Protein backbone atom coordinates (compact mmCIF):
# COMPACT_ATOMS: atom_id res chain seq x y z
CA MET A 1 15.14 9.92 33.36
CA VAL A 2 12.80 10.82 30.21
CA PRO A 3 9.33 9.97 29.43
CA ILE A 4 9.08 7.64 26.29
CA MET A 5 6.35 9.68 23.68
CA GLY A 6 4.15 7.75 21.33
CA THR A 7 5.22 8.70 17.15
CA MET A 8 2.59 9.04 14.56
CA GLY A 9 3.19 8.30 11.27
CA PHE A 10 2.34 9.86 7.93
CA ILE A 11 2.94 9.33 4.28
CA ARG A 12 5.99 11.04 2.79
CA ASN A 13 6.56 11.69 -1.16
CA LYS A 14 9.87 11.64 -2.54
CA PRO A 15 9.72 12.97 -6.07
CA ARG A 16 12.05 11.38 -8.38
CA ARG A 17 13.52 12.65 -11.68
CA GLY A 18 13.76 9.19 -14.27
CA LYS A 19 16.49 9.18 -17.00
CA ASP A 20 13.84 10.38 -19.32
CA GLY A 21 12.83 13.11 -17.43
CA THR A 22 10.08 12.74 -16.49
CA ILE A 23 8.92 12.87 -12.49
CA GLN A 24 7.10 9.86 -10.49
CA ASP A 25 6.60 10.20 -7.35
CA TYR A 26 7.45 7.18 -4.37
CA TYR A 27 5.19 7.12 -0.95
CA TYR A 28 7.05 6.48 2.30
CA LEU A 29 5.28 5.79 5.88
CA VAL A 30 7.43 7.23 8.05
CA GLU A 31 7.47 8.58 11.36
CA ASN A 32 9.50 11.49 13.47
CA ARG A 33 11.04 10.58 16.45
CA TRP A 34 13.31 12.70 18.80
CA GLU A 35 17.06 11.56 19.51
CA LYS A 36 19.64 13.81 20.78
CA GLY A 37 17.99 16.97 21.23
CA GLU A 38 16.76 16.82 17.21
CA THR A 39 14.39 15.35 15.21
CA LYS A 40 15.24 12.52 13.05
CA GLN A 41 12.94 11.20 10.47
CA LYS A 42 12.65 6.67 10.10
CA VAL A 43 10.78 5.07 7.07
CA VAL A 44 8.76 2.37 8.24
CA LYS A 45 7.48 1.07 4.74
CA TYR A 46 7.41 1.44 1.09
CA LEU A 47 4.73 2.32 0.07
CA GLY A 48 5.37 2.36 -3.95
CA THR A 49 4.17 4.67 -6.23
CA SER A 50 0.50 5.21 -5.44
CA PRO A 51 -0.32 5.38 -1.43
CA ASN A 52 -3.87 4.09 -2.15
CA THR A 53 -3.07 0.63 -3.31
CA ARG A 54 -3.86 -1.87 -1.09
CA GLU A 55 -3.06 -5.47 -0.94
CA LEU A 56 -5.45 -8.53 1.28
CA PRO A 57 -4.00 -12.32 1.11
CA ILE A 58 -6.78 -14.63 -0.92
CA ASN A 59 -6.76 -18.63 -0.54
CA PRO A 60 -6.08 -19.78 -3.64
CA ALA A 61 -9.17 -21.92 -3.63
CA GLN A 62 -11.60 -19.23 -3.11
CA ALA A 63 -9.41 -17.21 -6.16
CA GLY A 64 -12.22 -18.76 -8.67
CA PRO A 65 -15.32 -17.30 -7.03
CA LEU A 66 -13.69 -14.50 -6.46
CA ALA A 67 -12.57 -13.42 -9.55
CA GLN A 68 -16.76 -14.33 -10.60
CA ALA A 69 -17.85 -11.72 -8.22
CA PHE A 70 -15.80 -9.09 -9.80
CA MET A 71 -16.74 -9.30 -12.67
CA SER A 72 -20.67 -8.95 -11.85
CA GLY A 73 -19.69 -6.44 -9.75
CA LEU A 74 -17.63 -5.36 -5.94
CA LYS A 75 -20.77 -4.64 -4.36
CA GLU A 76 -21.60 -8.46 -4.54
CA LEU A 77 -18.89 -8.97 -2.60
CA GLY A 78 -19.97 -6.33 0.76
CA ILE A 79 -16.43 -4.08 -0.76
CA ASN A 80 -17.38 -0.56 -0.49
CA ILE A 81 -15.18 2.10 -2.34
CA ASN A 82 -14.44 5.39 -1.63
CA GLY A 83 -13.51 7.74 -4.50
CA ARG A 84 -11.58 6.14 -7.35
CA LEU A 85 -11.16 2.76 -7.82
CA ARG A 86 -7.68 2.48 -10.70
CA GLN A 87 -7.12 -1.49 -10.89
CA VAL A 88 -8.16 -4.40 -9.04
CA SER A 89 -6.22 -7.77 -10.09
CA LEU A 90 -5.35 -10.85 -8.41
CA VAL A 91 -2.10 -11.42 -7.82
CA TYR A 92 0.02 -14.74 -7.78
CA ASN A 93 4.42 -15.10 -6.73
CA PRO A 94 5.21 -18.63 -7.69
CA PRO A 95 8.02 -18.94 -5.68
CA LEU A 96 6.17 -18.08 -2.61
CA LYS A 97 3.31 -19.91 -3.62
CA LYS A 98 0.83 -16.71 -2.29
CA LEU A 99 -2.28 -15.17 -3.86
CA THR A 100 -2.67 -11.00 -3.14
CA LEU A 101 -5.80 -9.46 -4.01
CA ARG A 102 -4.60 -5.48 -5.42
CA ILE A 103 -7.11 -2.66 -5.05
CA GLU A 104 -5.67 0.45 -6.20
C-alpha cells in the first residue's frame, strides 16, 4: 500500500520567442506528482503573461457605482494593493453576458 501525499502547486514561467524576436514570459500554475518512480509536472492552470492578474466576477448592477469608486480612489472601496498596480479594468464578455473586474 502506498500512502497518498498532497501536492503543492507553484508558478512556473516559460519564455517564448515571438516572430519579431522578442521574448515573452508565459506563466502556469503547476504541481509535481510522483508516477512510476519519476517526477511528473502537471499544468493546473494557465495564468497568462502576468501571474499577478486577478479577475473577479461583478454583478452588472454594481458596475456603475464601482466605476465611480475607481475614479475617486481604491481606498474608498477597502481594497489594499501591496506592490505596484499596473491596471484596473471592467471587462464585459458579451457571449457569456459576464462582467469581471480585472486587476493587474
